[in-house]
Amino acid sequence: MVAFLTIVIILACIALAFFVLVQNPKGGGLTGTFGSIGSQVMGVKQSTDAMEKGTWVTMAIIAAISIFSVSFYDTPKEVKQPQQNSAPAKQQQPQQQQPAGK
């Protein structure tokens, strides 16, 4: 299922790139951006509504499928440590020192 969703996301990314590249640019690059910020916040100048809606819908599809696909990932299984056949070593207790001279 993850592979299928990945393929759908890639196809939607290609469609999004198509929508973005087909639209007419807003203006003169960075200089046009600083000149009239208010009219350039949303949408693209001289593009059809279908192209703009296609861009937003495709972007929403990519975001939704990306969030939805997380539920299909499996959590990694715990790695089992090889068991040792030998018994654990006995801990030696420290011996008490007897006072010198006795």
C-alpha atoms as a PDB file:
ATOM      1  CA  MET A   1       0.000   0.000   0.000  1.00  0.00           C
ATOM      2  CA  VAL A   2       2.882   2.328   0.779  1.00  0.00           C
ATOM      3  CA  ALA A   3       4.336   1.750  -2.692  1.00  0.00           C
ATOM      4  CA  PHE A   4       0.986   2.609  -4.302  1.00  0.00           C
ATOM      5  CA  LEU A   5       0.649   5.823  -2.284  1.00  0.00           C
ATOM      6  CA  THR A   6       4.226   6.763  -3.127  1.00  0.00           C
ATOM      7  CA  ILE A   7       3.495   6.373  -6.837  1.00  0.00           C
ATOM      8  CA  VAL A   8       0.329   8.491  -6.503  1.00  0.00           C
ATOM      9  CA  ILE A   9       2.314  11.208  -4.694  1.00  0.00           C
ATOM     10  CA  ILE A  10       4.964  11.213  -7.433  1.00  0.00           C
ATOM     11  CA  LEU A  11       2.298  11.504 -10.147  1.00  0.00           C
ATOM     12  CA  ALA A  12       0.632  14.353  -8.243  1.00  0.00           C
ATOM     13  CA  CYS A  13       4.009  16.100  -7.956  1.00  0.00           C
ATOM     14  CA  ILE A  14       4.460  15.853 -11.723  1.00  0.00           C
ATOM     15  CA  ALA A  15       0.965  17.294 -12.241  1.00  0.00           C
ATOM     16  CA  LEU A  16       1.740  20.101  -9.784  1.00  0.00           C
ATOM     17  CA  ALA A  17       4.953  20.918 -11.649  1.00  0.00           C
ATOM     18  CA  PHE A  18       2.938  21.031 -14.881  1.00  0.00           C
ATOM     19  CA  PHE A  19       0.385  23.445 -13.392  1.00  0.00           C
ATOM     20  CA  VAL A  20       3.084  25.710 -11.995  1.00  0.00           C
ATOM     21  CA  LEU A  21       5.170  25.805 -15.171  1.00  0.00           C
ATOM     22  CA  VAL A  22       2.208  26.437 -17.494  1.00  0.00           C
ATOM     23  CA  GLN A  23       0.994  29.509 -15.591  1.00  0.00           C
ATOM     24  CA  ASN A  24       2.117  32.967 -16.657  1.00  0.00           C
ATOM     25  CA  PRO A  25       4.567  34.554 -14.234  1.00  0.00           C
ATOM     26  CA  LYS A  26       3.403  37.279 -11.862  1.00  0.00           C
ATOM     27  CA  GLY A  27       5.904  39.882 -12.891  1.00  0.00           C
ATOM     28  CA  GLY A  28       9.532  40.872 -12.994  1.00  0.00           C
ATOM     29  CA  GLY A  29      10.989  38.368 -10.568  1.00  0.00           C
ATOM     30  CA  LEU A  30      12.178  39.760  -7.243  1.00  0.00           C
ATOM     31  CA  THR A  31      11.750  43.379  -8.277  1.00  0.00           C
ATOM     32  CA  GLY A  32       8.087  42.770  -9.079  1.00  0.00           C
ATOM     33  CA  THR A  33       7.560  41.117  -5.729  1.00  0.00           C
ATOM     34  CA  PHE A  34       8.621  44.139  -3.704  1.00  0.00           C
ATOM     35  CA  GLY A  35       6.691  46.629  -5.836  1.00  0.00           C
ATOM     36  CA  SER A  36       3.093  45.521  -5.317  1.00  0.00           C
ATOM     37  CA  ILE A  37       2.887  42.937  -2.581  1.00  0.00           C
ATOM     38  CA  GLY A  38      -0.847  43.415  -1.951  1.00  0.00           C
ATOM     39  CA  SER A  39      -1.971  42.227  -5.381  1.00  0.00           C
ATOM     40  CA  GLN A  40       0.441  39.304  -5.454  1.00  0.00           C
ATOM     41  CA  VAL A  41      -0.355  37.542  -2.213  1.00  0.00           C
ATOM     42  CA  MET A  42      -2.663  34.883  -3.689  1.00  0.00           C
ATOM     43  CA  GLY A  43      -3.151  33.722  -7.230  1.00  0.00           C
ATOM     44  CA  VAL A  44      -1.299  34.388 -10.425  1.00  0.00           C
ATOM     45  CA  LYS A  45      -1.792  37.292 -12.813  1.00  0.00           C
ATOM     46  CA  GLN A  46      -3.375  36.419 -16.188  1.00  0.00           C
ATOM     47  CA  SER A  47      -3.896  32.712 -15.556  1.00  0.00           C
ATOM     48  CA  THR A  48      -7.170  30.887 -15.885  1.00  0.00           C
ATOM     49  CA  ASP A  49      -9.131  29.810 -12.848  1.00  0.00           C
ATOM     50  CA  ALA A  50      -8.741  26.166 -13.892  1.00  0.00           C
ATOM     51  CA  MET A  51      -4.962  26.396 -13.703  1.00  0.00           C
ATOM     52  CA  GLU A  52      -5.023  28.082 -10.318  1.00  0.00           C
ATOM     53  CA  LYS A  53      -7.564  25.630  -8.905  1.00  0.00           C
ATOM     54  CA  GLY A  54      -5.556  22.751 -10.352  1.00  0.00           C
ATOM     55  CA  THR A  55      -2.492  23.977  -8.528  1.00  0.00           C
ATOM     56  CA  TRP A  56      -4.290  24.220  -5.183  1.00  0.00           C
ATOM     57  CA  VAL A  57      -6.128  20.913  -5.570  1.00  0.00           C
ATOM     58  CA  THR A  58      -2.969  19.060  -6.552  1.00  0.00           C
ATOM     59  CA  MET A  59      -1.096  20.568  -3.627  1.00  0.00           C
ATOM     60  CA  ALA A  60      -3.908  19.535  -1.262  1.00  0.00           C
ATOM     61  CA  ILE A  61      -3.880  15.994  -2.663  1.00  0.00           C
ATOM     62  CA  ILE A  62      -0.139  15.688  -2.094  1.00  0.00           C
ATOM     63  CA  ALA A  63      -0.456  16.955   1.486  1.00  0.00           C
ATOM     64  CA  ALA A  64      -3.435  14.704   2.308  1.00  0.00           C
ATOM     65  CA  ILE A  65      -1.882  11.549   0.876  1.00  0.00           C
ATOM     66  CA  SER A  66       1.427  12.293   2.602  1.00  0.00           C
ATOM     67  CA  ILE A  67      -0.296  12.590   5.973  1.00  0.00           C
ATOM     68  CA  PHE A  68      -2.536   9.577   5.286  1.00  0.00           C
ATOM     69  CA  SER A  69       0.349   7.339   4.186  1.00  0.00           C
ATOM     70  CA  VAL A  70       1.995   7.504   7.611  1.00  0.00           C
ATOM     71  CA  SER A  71      -0.693   5.187   8.999  1.00  0.00           C
ATOM     72  CA  PHE A  72       0.463   2.376   6.694  1.00  0.00           C
ATOM     73  CA  TYR A  73       4.069   2.239   7.820  1.00  0.00           C
ATOM     74  CA  ASP A  74       4.947  -0.702  10.036  1.00  0.00           C
ATOM     75  CA  THR A  75       6.789  -0.160  13.259  1.00  0.00           C
ATOM     76  CA  PRO A  76      10.123  -1.959  13.289  1.00  0.00           C
ATOM     77  CA  LYS A  77      10.178  -5.263  15.132  1.00  0.00           C
ATOM     78  CA  GLU A  78      12.385  -5.520  18.174  1.00  0.00           C
ATOM     79  CA  VAL A  79      15.717  -7.120  17.443  1.00  0.00           C
ATOM     80  CA  LYS A  80      16.130 -10.233  19.547  1.00  0.00           C
ATOM     81  CA  GLN A  81      19.478 -10.659  21.226  1.00  0.00           C
ATOM     82  CA  PRO A  82      21.064 -14.108  20.882  1.00  0.00           C
ATOM     83  CA  GLN A  83      20.680 -15.990  24.132  1.00  0.00           C
ATOM     84  CA  GLN A  84      23.765 -17.222  25.949  1.00  0.00           C
ATOM     85  CA  ASN A  85      23.721 -20.798  27.192  1.00  0.00           C
ATOM     86  CA  SER A  86      26.098 -20.193  30.093  1.00  0.00           C
ATOM     87  CA  ALA A  87      24.892 -19.205  33.517  1.00  0.00           C
ATOM     88  CA  PRO A  88      25.748 -15.744  34.791  1.00  0.00           C
ATOM     89  CA  ALA A  89      28.961 -15.476  36.778  1.00  0.00           C
ATOM     90  CA  LYS A  90      28.637 -15.506  40.541  1.00  0.00           C
ATOM     91  CA  GLN A  91      29.463 -12.270  42.204  1.00  0.00           C
ATOM     92  CA  GLN A  92      32.187 -12.547  44.793  1.00  0.00           C
ATOM     93  CA  GLN A  93      31.602 -10.816  48.058  1.00  0.00           C
ATOM     94  CA  PRO A  94      34.497  -8.756  49.352  1.00  0.00           C
ATOM     95  CA  GLN A  95      36.352 -10.445  52.193  1.00  0.00           C
ATOM     96  CA  GLN A  96      36.595  -8.634  55.488  1.00  0.00           C
ATOM     97  CA  GLN A  97      40.092  -7.718  56.488  1.00  0.00           C
ATOM     98  CA  GLN A  98      41.236  -8.883  59.881  1.00  0.00           C
ATOM     99  CA  PRO A  99      43.131  -6.418  62.002  1.00  0.00           C
ATOM    100  CA  ALA A 100      46.905  -6.903  61.934  1.00  0.00           C
ATOM    101  CA  GLY A 101      48.530  -8.452  64.961  1.00  0.00           C
ATOM    102  CA  LYS A 102      46.006 -11.046  65.912  1.00  0.00           C
END
